[in-house]
Amino acid sequence: MKLLKTGAMVALLTACYSYAAAQGTPLPVNEPDHNKPKIFADLPERLNLKTADLEAALKLPVGASINAAIANGFTLTGTIISKSNPRDASVKSIVIKSAARKDATFTFTRITRQDGSISYIG
C-alpha cells in the first residue's frame, strides 16, 4: 500500500511540475518590450527645442494647464503636476502630464551655472 501511495504522489508531483506556469521562458530583465505602443512614433528622433513657451511655463503654478509649441510640429498640451523648489534659483524644473499623448509625462529643467550660462534638460 505504501508503494502505491508513493507512486501516486510521484506521478502527481511530476504532473504539477510539468504544467507549472513558472516553467515558461521568462523575458530577460534588460530586454525592451517591443510590443509597447510608441506614443511618439509620429515625431522625429530629435527636435529643435523652442524654449520661449517652456520658459513661461516655469513660472506657472502646479495644476495650471499648458499649451506650448515646444518644437516645429509638436505642441505639448497638459497639466503641470510638479515643480522644483522655488528657493533654488540655479535649477528650475517642471513635470507636465500630457493630455494628448496617453498621459505621458514631460520633464523640463533649466540649469543656470555660476558663469551665467544656461542649459536645458528634458
PDB file of N, CA and C in Angstrom:
ATOM      1  N   MET A   1       0.826  -1.199   0.000  1.00  0.00           N
ATOM      2  CA  MET A   1       0.000   0.000   0.000  1.00  0.00           C
ATOM      3  C   MET A   1       0.871   1.264   0.000  1.00  0.00           C
ATOM      4  N   LYS A   2       2.008   1.211   0.793  1.00  0.00           N
ATOM      5  CA  LYS A   2       2.891   2.364   0.823  1.00  0.00           C
ATOM      6  C   LYS A   2       3.509   2.632  -0.546  1.00  0.00           C
ATOM      7  N   LEU A   3       3.813   1.567  -1.279  1.00  0.00           N
ATOM      8  CA  LEU A   3       4.400   1.701  -2.601  1.00  0.00           C
ATOM      9  C   LEU A   3       3.406   2.363  -3.557  1.00  0.00           C
ATOM     10  N   LEU A   4       2.118   2.046  -3.453  1.00  0.00           N
ATOM     11  CA  LEU A   4       1.089   2.650  -4.298  1.00  0.00           C
ATOM     12  C   LEU A   4       0.929   4.142  -3.987  1.00  0.00           C
ATOM     13  N   LYS A   5       0.923   4.503  -2.684  1.00  0.00           N
ATOM     14  CA  LYS A   5       0.811   5.919  -2.300  1.00  0.00           C
ATOM     15  C   LYS A   5       2.020   6.712  -2.771  1.00  0.00           C
ATOM     16  N   THR A   6       3.210   6.137  -2.635  1.00  0.00           N
ATOM     17  CA  THR A   6       4.430   6.828  -3.062  1.00  0.00           C
ATOM     18  C   THR A   6       4.426   7.020  -4.573  1.00  0.00           C
ATOM     19  N   GLY A   7       4.018   6.010  -5.313  1.00  0.00           N
ATOM     20  CA  GLY A   7       3.955   6.105  -6.775  1.00  0.00           C
ATOM     21  C   GLY A   7       2.944   7.151  -7.218  1.00  0.00           C
ATOM     22  N   ALA A   8       1.791   7.183  -6.557  1.00  0.00           N
ATOM     23  CA  ALA A   8       0.754   8.170  -6.901  1.00  0.00           C
ATOM     24  C   ALA A   8       1.242   9.589  -6.590  1.00  0.00           C
ATOM     25  N   MET A   9       1.948   9.748  -5.475  1.00  0.00           N
ATOM     26  CA  MET A   9       2.469  11.060  -5.097  1.00  0.00           C
ATOM     27  C   MET A   9       3.522  11.528  -6.103  1.00  0.00           C
ATOM     28  N   VAL A  10       4.400  10.639  -6.539  1.00  0.00           N
ATOM     29  CA  VAL A  10       5.417  10.983  -7.537  1.00  0.00           C
ATOM     30  C   VAL A  10       4.748  11.370  -8.854  1.00  0.00           C
ATOM     31  N   ALA A  11       3.723  10.650  -9.275  1.00  0.00           N
ATOM     32  CA  ALA A  11       3.012  10.959 -10.513  1.00  0.00           C
ATOM     33  C   ALA A  11       2.312  12.314 -10.410  1.00  0.00           C
ATOM     34  N   LEU A  12       1.716  12.590  -9.278  1.00  0.00           N
ATOM     35  CA  LEU A  12       1.035  13.871  -9.073  1.00  0.00           C
ATOM     36  C   LEU A  12       2.026  15.029  -9.100  1.00  0.00           C
ATOM     37  N   LEU A  13       3.126  14.900  -8.408  1.00  0.00           N
ATOM     38  CA  LEU A  13       4.144  15.956  -8.390  1.00  0.00           C
ATOM     39  C   LEU A  13       4.761  16.164  -9.770  1.00  0.00           C
ATOM     40  N   THR A  14       4.968  15.089 -10.514  1.00  0.00           N
ATOM     41  CA  THR A  14       5.505  15.207 -11.875  1.00  0.00           C
ATOM     42  C   THR A  14       4.523  15.952 -12.770  1.00  0.00           C
ATOM     43  N   ALA A  15       3.246  15.646 -12.658  1.00  0.00           N
ATOM     44  CA  ALA A  15       2.228  16.330 -13.464  1.00  0.00           C
ATOM     45  C   ALA A  15       2.158  17.804 -13.097  1.00  0.00           C
ATOM     46  N   CYS A  16       2.200  18.132 -11.814  1.00  0.00           N
ATOM     47  CA  CYS A  16       2.170  19.535 -11.373  1.00  0.00           C
ATOM     48  C   CYS A  16       3.404  20.288 -11.857  1.00  0.00           C
ATOM     49  N   TYR A  17       4.538  19.649 -11.790  1.00  0.00           N
ATOM     50  CA  TYR A  17       5.787  20.270 -12.200  1.00  0.00           C
ATOM     51  C   TYR A  17       5.788  20.569 -13.695  1.00  0.00           C
ATOM     52  N   SER A  18       5.265  19.666 -14.500  1.00  0.00           N
ATOM     53  CA  SER A  18       5.310  19.855 -15.948  1.00  0.00           C
ATOM     54  C   SER A  18       4.309  20.908 -16.427  1.00  0.00           C
ATOM     55  N   TYR A  19       3.243  21.154 -15.675  1.00  0.00           N
ATOM     56  CA  TYR A  19       2.247  22.132 -16.083  1.00  0.00           C
ATOM     57  C   TYR A  19       2.357  23.463 -15.332  1.00  0.00           C
ATOM     58  N   ALA A  20       3.359  23.610 -14.512  1.00  0.00           N
ATOM     59  CA  ALA A  20       3.501  24.833 -13.716  1.00  0.00           C
ATOM     60  C   ALA A  20       3.830  26.015 -14.631  1.00  0.00           C
ATOM     61  N   ALA A  21       3.246  27.178 -14.327  1.00  0.00           N
ATOM     62  CA  ALA A  21       3.474  28.384 -15.131  1.00  0.00           C
ATOM     63  C   ALA A  21       4.890  28.902 -14.979  1.00  0.00           C
ATOM     64  N   ALA A  22       5.543  28.574 -13.916  1.00  0.00           N
ATOM     65  CA  ALA A  22       6.900  29.049 -13.692  1.00  0.00           C
ATOM     66  C   ALA A  22       7.899  28.386 -14.631  1.00  0.00           C
ATOM     67  N   GLN A  23       7.469  27.373 -15.353  1.00  0.00           N
ATOM     68  CA  GLN A  23       8.380  26.675 -16.255  1.00  0.00           C
ATOM     69  C   GLN A  23       8.482  27.362 -17.611  1.00  0.00           C
ATOM     70  N   GLY A  24       7.719  28.422 -17.838  1.00  0.00           N
ATOM     71  CA  GLY A  24       7.794  29.155 -19.089  1.00  0.00           C
ATOM     72  C   GLY A  24       9.106  29.923 -19.182  1.00  0.00           C
ATOM     73  N   THR A  25       9.441  30.362 -20.383  1.00  0.00           N
ATOM     74  CA  THR A  25      10.672  31.113 -20.578  1.00  0.00           C
ATOM     75  C   THR A  25      10.439  32.558 -20.159  1.00  0.00           C
ATOM     76  N   PRO A  26      11.121  33.039 -19.130  1.00  0.00           N
ATOM     77  CA  PRO A  26      10.926  34.419 -18.703  1.00  0.00           C
ATOM     78  C   PRO A  26      11.631  35.382 -19.656  1.00  0.00           C
ATOM     79  N   LEU A  27      11.078  36.585 -19.760  1.00  0.00           N
ATOM     80  CA  LEU A  27      11.723  37.621 -20.551  1.00  0.00           C
ATOM     81  C   LEU A  27      12.942  38.134 -19.803  1.00  0.00           C
ATOM     82  N   PRO A  28      14.014  38.394 -20.502  1.00  0.00           N
ATOM     83  CA  PRO A  28      15.173  38.975 -19.821  1.00  0.00           C
ATOM     84  C   PRO A  28      14.826  40.350 -19.254  1.00  0.00           C
ATOM     85  N   VAL A  29      15.421  40.683 -18.134  1.00  0.00           N
ATOM     86  CA  VAL A  29      15.110  41.934 -17.448  1.00  0.00           C
ATOM     87  C   VAL A  29      15.528  43.143 -18.279  1.00  0.00           C
ATOM     88  N   ASN A  30      16.653  43.061 -18.969  1.00  0.00           N
ATOM     89  CA  ASN A  30      17.150  44.220 -19.707  1.00  0.00           C
ATOM     90  C   ASN A  30      16.674  44.261 -21.150  1.00  0.00           C
ATOM     91  N   GLU A  31      15.844  43.350 -21.570  1.00  0.00           N
ATOM     92  CA  GLU A  31      15.323  43.337 -22.930  1.00  0.00           C
ATOM     93  C   GLU A  31      14.103  44.255 -23.018  1.00  0.00           C
ATOM     94  N   PRO A  32      14.076  45.204 -23.963  1.00  0.00           N
ATOM     95  CA  PRO A  32      12.921  46.093 -24.067  1.00  0.00           C
ATOM     96  C   PRO A  32      11.684  45.349 -24.557  1.00  0.00           C
ATOM     97  N   ASP A  33      10.543  45.826 -24.143  1.00  0.00           N
ATOM     98  CA  ASP A  33       9.275  45.252 -24.583  1.00  0.00           C
ATOM     99  C   ASP A  33       8.938  45.853 -25.945  1.00  0.00           C
ATOM    100  N   HIS A  34       9.093  45.073 -26.996  1.00  0.00           N
ATOM    101  CA  HIS A  34       8.868  45.581 -28.347  1.00  0.00           C
ATOM    102  C   HIS A  34       7.384  45.679 -28.699  1.00  0.00           C
ATOM    103  N   ASN A  35       6.521  45.184 -27.841  1.00  0.00           N
ATOM    104  CA  ASN A  35       5.089  45.255 -28.080  1.00  0.00           C
ATOM    105  C   ASN A  35       4.454  46.499 -27.487  1.00  0.00           C
ATOM    106  N   LYS A  36       5.249  47.334 -26.789  1.00  0.00           N
ATOM    107  CA  LYS A  36       4.720  48.556 -26.212  1.00  0.00           C
ATOM    108  C   LYS A  36       4.328  49.533 -27.314  1.00  0.00           C
ATOM    109  N   PRO A  37       3.220  50.234 -27.161  1.00  0.00           N
ATOM    110  CA  PRO A  37       2.865  51.222 -28.173  1.00  0.00           C
ATOM    111  C   PRO A  37       3.841  52.397 -28.143  1.00  0.00           C
ATOM    112  N   LYS A  38       4.180  52.882 -29.292  1.00  0.00           N
ATOM    113  CA  LYS A  38       5.106  54.012 -29.419  1.00  0.00           C
ATOM    114  C   LYS A  38       4.272  55.290 -29.485  1.00  0.00           C
ATOM    115  N   ILE A  39       4.204  56.031 -28.369  1.00  0.00           N
ATOM    116  CA  ILE A  39       3.327  57.202 -28.324  1.00  0.00           C
ATOM    117  C   ILE A  39       3.941  58.410 -29.023  1.00  0.00           C
ATOM    118  N   PHE A  40       5.246  58.364 -29.319  1.00  0.00           N
ATOM    119  CA  PHE A  40       5.884  59.459 -30.033  1.00  0.00           C
ATOM    120  C   PHE A  40       6.390  59.005 -31.397  1.00  0.00           C
ATOM    121  N   ALA A  41       5.780  57.970 -31.969  1.00  0.00           N
ATOM    122  CA  ALA A  41       6.232  57.415 -33.243  1.00  0.00           C
ATOM    123  C   ALA A  41       6.053  58.399 -34.401  1.00  0.00           C
ATOM    124  N   ASP A  42       5.137  59.342 -34.269  1.00  0.00           N
ATOM    125  CA  ASP A  42       4.898  60.301 -35.344  1.00  0.00           C
ATOM    126  C   ASP A  42       5.907  61.443 -35.356  1.00  0.00           C
ATOM    127  N   LEU A  43       6.800  61.492 -34.387  1.00  0.00           N
ATOM    128  CA  LEU A  43       7.792  62.559 -34.299  1.00  0.00           C
ATOM    129  C   LEU A  43       9.171  62.050 -34.694  1.00  0.00           C
ATOM    130  N   PRO A  44      10.030  62.943 -35.182  1.00  0.00           N
ATOM    131  CA  PRO A  44      11.397  62.521 -35.484  1.00  0.00           C
ATOM    132  C   PRO A  44      12.171  62.204 -34.209  1.00  0.00           C
ATOM    133  N   GLU A  45      13.314  61.557 -34.361  1.00  0.00           N
ATOM    134  CA  GLU A  45      14.148  61.152 -33.222  1.00  0.00           C
ATOM    135  C   GLU A  45      14.629  62.367 -32.415  1.00  0.00           C
ATOM    136  N   ARG A  46      14.972  63.455 -33.103  1.00  0.00           N
ATOM    137  CA  ARG A  46      15.435  64.686 -32.435  1.00  0.00           C
ATOM    138  C   ARG A  46      14.621  65.876 -32.927  1.00  0.00           C
ATOM    139  N   LEU A  47      14.354  66.794 -32.005  1.00  0.00           N
ATOM    140  CA  LEU A  47      13.626  68.025 -32.320  1.00  0.00           C
ATOM    141  C   LEU A  47      14.428  69.220 -31.829  1.00  0.00           C
ATOM    142  N   ASN A  48      14.355  70.327 -32.564  1.00  0.00           N
ATOM    143  CA  ASN A  48      14.962  71.566 -32.100  1.00  0.00           C
ATOM    144  C   ASN A  48      13.993  72.252 -31.153  1.00  0.00           C
ATOM    145  N   LEU A  49      14.409  72.418 -29.925  1.00  0.00           N
ATOM    146  CA  LEU A  49      13.553  72.933 -28.869  1.00  0.00           C
ATOM    147  C   LEU A  49      13.363  74.443 -28.980  1.00  0.00           C
ATOM    148  N   LYS A  50      12.117  74.874 -28.825  1.00  0.00           N
ATOM    149  CA  LYS A  50      11.782  76.301 -28.727  1.00  0.00           C
ATOM    150  C   LYS A  50      11.509  76.567 -27.247  1.00  0.00           C
ATOM    151  N   THR A  51      12.380  77.305 -26.613  1.00  0.00           N
ATOM    152  CA  THR A  51      12.310  77.439 -25.161  1.00  0.00           C
ATOM    153  C   THR A  51      11.393  78.545 -24.667  1.00  0.00           C
ATOM    154  N   ALA A  52      10.903  79.412 -25.541  1.00  0.00           N
ATOM    155  CA  ALA A  52      10.126  80.575 -25.084  1.00  0.00           C
ATOM    156  C   ALA A  52       8.879  80.161 -24.294  1.00  0.00           C
ATOM    157  N   ASP A  53       8.073  79.253 -24.827  1.00  0.00           N
ATOM    158  CA  ASP A  53       6.854  78.822 -24.128  1.00  0.00           C
ATOM    159  C   ASP A  53       7.189  78.049 -22.857  1.00  0.00           C
ATOM    160  N   LEU A  54       8.268  77.261 -22.890  1.00  0.00           N
ATOM    161  CA  LEU A  54       8.644  76.488 -21.711  1.00  0.00           C
ATOM    162  C   LEU A  54       9.220  77.381 -20.618  1.00  0.00           C
ATOM    163  N   GLU A  55       9.913  78.441 -20.997  1.00  0.00           N
ATOM    164  CA  GLU A  55      10.394  79.417 -20.002  1.00  0.00           C
ATOM    165  C   GLU A  55       9.208  80.046 -19.277  1.00  0.00           C
ATOM    166  N   ALA A  56       8.155  80.367 -20.020  1.00  0.00           N
ATOM    167  CA  ALA A  56       6.948  80.921 -19.400  1.00  0.00           C
ATOM    168  C   ALA A  56       6.284  79.884 -18.505  1.00  0.00           C
ATOM    169  N   ALA A  57       6.339  78.610 -18.889  1.00  0.00           N
ATOM    170  CA  ALA A  57       5.718  77.544 -18.096  1.00  0.00           C
ATOM    171  C   ALA A  57       6.432  77.353 -16.765  1.00  0.00           C
ATOM    172  N   LEU A  58       7.703  77.683 -16.684  1.00  0.00           N
ATOM    173  CA  LEU A  58       8.442  77.552 -15.429  1.00  0.00           C
ATOM    174  C   LEU A  58       7.877  78.460 -14.335  1.00  0.00           C
ATOM    175  N   LYS A  59       7.158  79.492 -14.731  1.00  0.00           N
ATOM    176  CA  LYS A  59       6.578  80.443 -13.768  1.00  0.00           C
ATOM    177  C   LYS A  59       5.152  80.090 -13.364  1.00  0.00           C
ATOM    178  N   LEU A  60       4.539  79.120 -14.051  1.00  0.00           N
ATOM    179  CA  LEU A  60       3.154  78.745 -13.749  1.00  0.00           C
ATOM    180  C   LEU A  60       3.094  77.876 -12.488  1.00  0.00           C
ATOM    181  N   PRO A  61       1.966  77.919 -11.771  1.00  0.00           N
ATOM    182  CA  PRO A  61       1.834  77.087 -10.560  1.00  0.00           C
ATOM    183  C   PRO A  61       1.471  75.645 -10.896  1.00  0.00           C
ATOM    184  N   VAL A  62       1.635  74.769  -9.915  1.00  0.00           N
ATOM    185  CA  VAL A  62       1.238  73.372 -10.061  1.00  0.00           C
ATOM    186  C   VAL A  62      -0.275  73.321 -10.269  1.00  0.00           C
ATOM    187  N   GLY A  63      -0.724  72.521 -11.215  1.00  0.00           N
ATOM    188  CA  GLY A  63      -2.139  72.402 -11.531  1.00  0.00           C
ATOM    189  C   GLY A  63      -2.568  73.253 -12.709  1.00  0.00           C
ATOM    190  N   ALA A  64      -1.693  74.138 -13.173  1.00  0.00           N
ATOM    191  CA  ALA A  64      -2.036  75.003 -14.303  1.00  0.00           C
ATOM    192  C   ALA A  64      -2.000  74.210 -15.602  1.00  0.00           C
ATOM    193  N   SER A  65      -2.892  74.581 -16.518  1.00  0.00           N
ATOM    194  CA  SER A  65      -2.899  73.962 -17.843  1.00  0.00           C
ATOM    195  C   SER A  65      -1.872  74.652 -18.724  1.00  0.00           C
ATOM    196  N   ILE A  66      -1.300  73.887 -19.627  1.00  0.00           N
ATOM    197  CA  ILE A  66      -0.277  74.428 -20.515  1.00  0.00           C
ATOM    198  C   ILE A  66      -0.550  73.959 -21.931  1.00  0.00           C
ATOM    199  N   ASN A  67      -0.314  74.843 -22.876  1.00  0.00           N
ATOM    200  CA  ASN A  67      -0.399  74.546 -24.299  1.00  0.00           C
ATOM    201  C   ASN A  67       0.785  75.251 -24.947  1.00  0.00           C
ATOM    202  N   ALA A  68       1.897  74.523 -25.095  1.00  0.00           N
ATOM    203  CA  ALA A  68       3.148  75.134 -25.537  1.00  0.00           C
ATOM    204  C   ALA A  68       3.631  74.491 -26.827  1.00  0.00           C
ATOM    205  N   ALA A  69       4.009  75.339 -27.793  1.00  0.00           N
ATOM    206  CA  ALA A  69       4.644  74.853 -29.024  1.00  0.00           C
ATOM    207  C   ALA A  69       6.134  74.754 -28.725  1.00  0.00           C
ATOM    208  N   ILE A  70       6.593  73.539 -28.432  1.00  0.00           N
ATOM    209  CA  ILE A  70       7.984  73.392 -27.998  1.00  0.00           C
ATOM    210  C   ILE A  70       8.933  73.035 -29.140  1.00  0.00           C
ATOM    211  N   ALA A  71       8.388  72.693 -30.314  1.00  0.00           N
ATOM    212  CA  ALA A  71       9.207  72.419 -31.496  1.00  0.00           C
ATOM    213  C   ALA A  71       8.315  72.547 -32.720  1.00  0.00           C
ATOM    214  N   ASN A  72       8.927  72.607 -33.894  1.00  0.00           N
ATOM    215  CA  ASN A  72       8.144  72.660 -35.125  1.00  0.00           C
ATOM    216  C   ASN A  72       7.331  71.381 -35.258  1.00  0.00           C
ATOM    217  N   GLY A  73       6.021  71.501 -35.291  1.00  0.00           N
ATOM    218  CA  GLY A  73       5.153  70.351 -35.440  1.00  0.00           C
ATOM    219  C   GLY A  73       4.844  69.598 -34.159  1.00  0.00           C
ATOM    220  N   PHE A  74       5.264  70.110 -33.016  1.00  0.00           N
ATOM    221  CA  PHE A  74       4.985  69.421 -31.754  1.00  0.00           C
ATOM    222  C   PHE A  74       4.496  70.421 -30.718  1.00  0.00           C
ATOM    223  N   THR A  75       3.232  70.294 -30.356  1.00  0.00           N
ATOM    224  CA  THR A  75       2.630  71.134 -29.324  1.00  0.00           C
ATOM    225  C   THR A  75       2.357  70.266 -28.110  1.00  0.00           C
ATOM    226  N   LEU A  76       2.811  70.707 -26.974  1.00  0.00           N
ATOM    227  CA  LEU A  76       2.626  69.978 -25.725  1.00  0.00           C
ATOM    228  C   LEU A  76       1.421  70.563 -24.999  1.00  0.00           C
ATOM    229  N   THR A  77       0.409  69.730 -24.787  1.00  0.00           N
ATOM    230  CA  THR A  77      -0.799  70.130 -24.087  1.00  0.00           C
ATOM    231  C   THR A  77      -0.934  69.249 -22.852  1.00  0.00           C
ATOM    232  N   GLY A  78      -1.127  69.880 -21.703  1.00  0.00           N
ATOM    233  CA  GLY A  78      -1.266  69.090 -20.494  1.00  0.00           C
ATOM    234  C   GLY A  78      -1.394  69.939 -19.253  1.00  0.00           C
ATOM    235  N   THR A  79      -1.041  69.338 -18.112  1.00  0.00           N
ATOM    236  CA  THR A  79      -1.158  69.974 -16.804  1.00  0.00           C
ATOM    237  C   THR A  79       0.169  69.851 -16.073  1.00  0.00           C
ATOM    238  N   ILE A  80       0.568  70.929 -15.409  1.00  0.00           N
ATOM    239  CA  ILE A  80       1.787  70.905 -14.607  1.00  0.00           C
ATOM    240  C   ILE A  80       1.473  70.156 -13.312  1.00  0.00           C
ATOM    241  N   ILE A  81       2.190  69.060 -13.075  1.00  0.00           N
ATOM    242  CA  ILE A  81       1.908  68.240 -11.899  1.00  0.00           C
ATOM    243  C   ILE A  81       2.978  68.371 -10.819  1.00  0.00           C
ATOM    244  N   SER A  82       4.128  68.969 -11.158  1.00  0.00           N
ATOM    245  CA  SER A  82       5.192  69.097 -10.169  1.00  0.00           C
ATOM    246  C   SER A  82       6.139  70.214 -10.579  1.00  0.00           C
ATOM    247  N   LYS A  83       6.720  70.871  -9.560  1.00  0.00           N
ATOM    248  CA  LYS A  83       7.712  71.928  -9.793  1.00  0.00           C
ATOM    249  C   LYS A  83       8.863  71.743  -8.817  1.00  0.00           C
ATOM    250  N   SER A  84      10.011  72.296  -9.192  1.00  0.00           N
ATOM    251  CA  SER A  84      11.163  72.248  -8.299  1.00  0.00           C
ATOM    252  C   SER A  84      11.007  73.292  -7.198  1.00  0.00           C
ATOM    253  N   ASN A  85      11.915  73.235  -6.240  1.00  0.00           N
ATOM    254  CA  ASN A  85      11.904  74.166  -5.124  1.00  0.00           C
ATOM    255  C   ASN A  85      12.139  75.595  -5.640  1.00  0.00           C
ATOM    256  N   PRO A  86      11.237  76.537  -5.370  1.00  0.00           N
ATOM    257  CA  PRO A  86      11.403  77.903  -5.890  1.00  0.00           C
ATOM    258  C   PRO A  86      12.570  78.661  -5.246  1.00  0.00           C
ATOM    259  N   ARG A  87      13.085  78.195  -4.114  1.00  0.00           N
ATOM    260  CA  ARG A  87      14.198  78.873  -3.458  1.00  0.00           C
ATOM    261  C   ARG A  87      15.525  78.658  -4.176  1.00  0.00           C
ATOM    262  N   ASP A  88      15.632  77.576  -4.945  1.00  0.00           N
ATOM    263  CA  ASP A  88      16.860  77.292  -5.677  1.00  0.00           C
ATOM    264  C   ASP A  88      16.779  77.963  -7.051  1.00  0.00           C
ATOM    265  N   ALA A  89      17.449  79.085  -7.199  1.00  0.00           N
ATOM    266  CA  ALA A  89      17.382  79.856  -8.437  1.00  0.00           C
ATOM    267  C   ALA A  89      18.216  79.245  -9.558  1.00  0.00           C
ATOM    268  N   SER A  90      19.156  78.382  -9.227  1.00  0.00           N
ATOM    269  CA  SER A  90      20.026  77.827 -10.262  1.00  0.00           C
ATOM    270  C   SER A  90      19.369  76.682 -11.033  1.00  0.00           C
ATOM    271  N   VAL A  91      18.390  76.021 -10.444  1.00  0.00           N
ATOM    272  CA  VAL A  91      17.703  74.915 -11.115  1.00  0.00           C
ATOM    273  C   VAL A  91      16.195  75.142 -11.036  1.00  0.00           C
ATOM    274  N   LYS A  92      15.568  75.231 -12.185  1.00  0.00           N
ATOM    275  CA  LYS A  92      14.109  75.341 -12.281  1.00  0.00           C
ATOM    276  C   LYS A  92      13.619  74.158 -13.095  1.00  0.00           C
ATOM    277  N   SER A  93      12.637  73.441 -12.579  1.00  0.00           N
ATOM    278  CA  SER A  93      12.169  72.236 -13.242  1.00  0.00           C
ATOM    279  C   SER A  93      10.660  72.105 -13.102  1.00  0.00           C
ATOM    280  N   ILE A  94      10.009  71.579 -14.149  1.00  0.00           N
ATOM    281  CA  ILE A  94       8.580  71.278 -14.108  1.00  0.00           C
ATOM    282  C   ILE A  94       8.344  69.897 -14.707  1.00  0.00           C
ATOM    283  N   VAL A  95       7.272  69.263 -14.263  1.00  0.00           N
ATOM    284  CA  VAL A  95       6.829  67.991 -14.830  1.00  0.00           C
ATOM    285  C   VAL A  95       5.415  68.221 -15.348  1.00  0.00           C
ATOM    286  N   ILE A  96       5.213  67.906 -16.632  1.00  0.00           N
ATOM    287  CA  ILE A  96       3.926  68.127 -17.290  1.00  0.00           C
ATOM    288  C   ILE A  96       3.333  66.775 -17.671  1.00  0.00           C
ATOM    289  N   LYS A  97       2.081  66.562 -17.284  1.00  0.00           N
ATOM    290  CA  LYS A  97       1.359  65.345 -17.674  1.00  0.00           C
ATOM    291  C   LYS A  97       0.600  65.672 -18.955  1.00  0.00           C
ATOM    292  N   SER A  98       0.941  64.974 -20.023  1.00  0.00           N
ATOM    293  CA  SER A  98       0.361  65.246 -21.331  1.00  0.00           C
ATOM    294  C   SER A  98      -1.073  64.730 -21.413  1.00  0.00           C
ATOM    295  N   ALA A  99      -1.934  65.533 -21.988  1.00  0.00           N
ATOM    296  CA  ALA A  99      -3.325  65.132 -22.181  1.00  0.00           C
ATOM    297  C   ALA A  99      -3.512  64.463 -23.535  1.00  0.00           C
ATOM    298  N   ALA A 100      -2.698  64.826 -24.507  1.00  0.00           N
ATOM    299  CA  ALA A 100      -2.879  64.335 -25.868  1.00  0.00           C
ATOM    300  C   ALA A 100      -2.095  63.060 -26.163  1.00  0.00           C
ATOM    301  N   ARG A 101      -1.151  62.704 -25.324  1.00  0.00           N
ATOM    302  CA  ARG A 101      -0.270  61.562 -25.599  1.00  0.00           C
ATOM    303  C   ARG A 101      -0.411  60.472 -24.552  1.00  0.00           C
ATOM    304  N   LYS A 102      -1.601  60.019 -24.272  1.00  0.00           N
ATOM    305  CA  LYS A 102      -1.885  58.915 -23.353  1.00  0.00           C
ATOM    306  C   LYS A 102      -1.218  59.109 -21.999  1.00  0.00           C
ATOM    307  N   ASP A 103      -1.348  60.288 -21.452  1.00  0.00           N
ATOM    308  CA  ASP A 103      -0.850  60.627 -20.122  1.00  0.00           C
ATOM    309  C   ASP A 103       0.660  60.432 -19.967  1.00  0.00           C
ATOM    310  N   ALA A 104       1.415  60.658 -21.015  1.00  0.00           N
ATOM    311  CA  ALA A 104       2.869  60.644 -20.908  1.00  0.00           C
ATOM    312  C   ALA A 104       3.308  61.855 -20.088  1.00  0.00           C
ATOM    313  N   THR A 105       4.447  61.766 -19.440  1.00  0.00           N
ATOM    314  CA  THR A 105       4.957  62.907 -18.679  1.00  0.00           C
ATOM    315  C   THR A 105       6.166  63.489 -19.389  1.00  0.00           C
ATOM    316  N   PHE A 106       6.304  64.789 -19.278  1.00  0.00           N
ATOM    317  CA  PHE A 106       7.399  65.524 -19.887  1.00  0.00           C
ATOM    318  C   PHE A 106       8.081  66.324 -18.786  1.00  0.00           C
ATOM    319  N   THR A 107       9.375  66.164 -18.647  1.00  0.00           N
ATOM    320  CA  THR A 107      10.137  66.896 -17.641  1.00  0.00           C
ATOM    321  C   THR A 107      11.016  67.912 -18.344  1.00  0.00           C
ATOM    322  N   PHE A 108      10.984  69.140 -17.878  1.00  0.00           N
ATOM    323  CA  PHE A 108      11.784  70.212 -18.456  1.00  0.00           C
ATOM    324  C   PHE A 108      12.551  70.897 -17.330  1.00  0.00           C
ATOM    325  N   THR A 109      13.867  70.992 -17.475  1.00  0.00           N
ATOM    326  CA  THR A 109      14.710  71.584 -16.447  1.00  0.00           C
ATOM    327  C   THR A 109      15.626  72.632 -17.065  1.00  0.00           C
ATOM    328  N   ARG A 110      15.707  73.794 -16.419  1.00  0.00           N
ATOM    329  CA  ARG A 110      16.650  74.845 -16.815  1.00  0.00           C
ATOM    330  C   ARG A 110      17.701  74.954 -15.723  1.00  0.00           C
ATOM    331  N   ILE A 111      18.964  74.850 -16.110  1.00  0.00           N
ATOM    332  CA  ILE A 111      20.071  74.947 -15.167  1.00  0.00           C
ATOM    333  C   ILE A 111      20.874  76.189 -15.501  1.00  0.00           C
ATOM    334  N   THR A 112      21.025  77.072 -14.501  1.00  0.00           N
ATOM    335  CA  THR A 112      21.821  78.277 -14.658  1.00  0.00           C
ATOM    336  C   THR A 112      23.127  78.078 -13.893  1.00  0.00           C
ATOM    337  N   ARG A 113      24.229  78.122 -14.623  1.00  0.00           N
ATOM    338  CA  ARG A 113      25.536  77.927 -13.988  1.00  0.00           C
ATOM    339  C   ARG A 113      26.044  79.224 -13.382  1.00  0.00           C
ATOM    340  N   GLN A 114      27.105  79.132 -12.590  1.00  0.00           N
ATOM    341  CA  GLN A 114      27.655  80.300 -11.910  1.00  0.00           C
ATOM    342  C   GLN A 114      28.187  81.344 -12.892  1.00  0.00           C
ATOM    343  N   ASP A 115      28.638  80.901 -14.074  1.00  0.00           N
ATOM    344  CA  ASP A 115      29.153  81.856 -15.070  1.00  0.00           C
ATOM    345  C   ASP A 115      28.039  82.517 -15.875  1.00  0.00           C
ATOM    346  N   GLY A 116      26.779  82.169 -15.580  1.00  0.00           N
ATOM    347  CA  GLY A 116      25.639  82.784 -16.259  1.00  0.00           C
ATOM    348  C   GLY A 116      25.119  81.997 -17.444  1.00  0.00           C
ATOM    349  N   SER A 117      25.803  80.958 -17.856  1.00  0.00           N
ATOM    350  CA  SER A 117      25.344  80.150 -18.984  1.00  0.00           C
ATOM    351  C   SER A 117      24.149  79.291 -18.554  1.00  0.00           C
ATOM    352  N   ILE A 118      23.295  79.003 -19.510  1.00  0.00           N
ATOM    353  CA  ILE A 118      22.061  78.254 -19.232  1.00  0.00           C
ATOM    354  C   ILE A 118      22.055  76.996 -20.096  1.00  0.00           C
ATOM    355  N   SER A 119      21.642  75.891 -19.494  1.00  0.00           N
ATOM    356  CA  SER A 119      21.451  74.649 -20.241  1.00  0.00           C
ATOM    357  C   SER A 119      20.079  74.079 -19.906  1.00  0.00           C
ATOM    358  N   TYR A 120      19.554  73.309 -20.842  1.00  0.00           N
ATOM    359  CA  TYR A 120      18.221  72.724 -20.673  1.00  0.00           C
ATOM    360  C   TYR A 120      18.317  71.212 -20.763  1.00  0.00           C
ATOM    361  N   ILE A 121      17.528  70.534 -19.953  1.00  0.00           N
ATOM    362  CA  ILE A 121      17.428  69.088 -19.969  1.00  0.00           C
ATOM    363  C   ILE A 121      15.948  68.743 -20.011  1.00  0.00           C
ATOM    364  N   GLY A 122      15.587  67.766 -20.820  1.00  0.00           N
ATOM    365  CA  GLY A 122      14.186  67.384 -20.879  1.00  0.00           C
ATOM    366  C   GLY A 122      14.010  66.016 -21.446  1.00  0.00           C
TER     367      GLY A 122
END
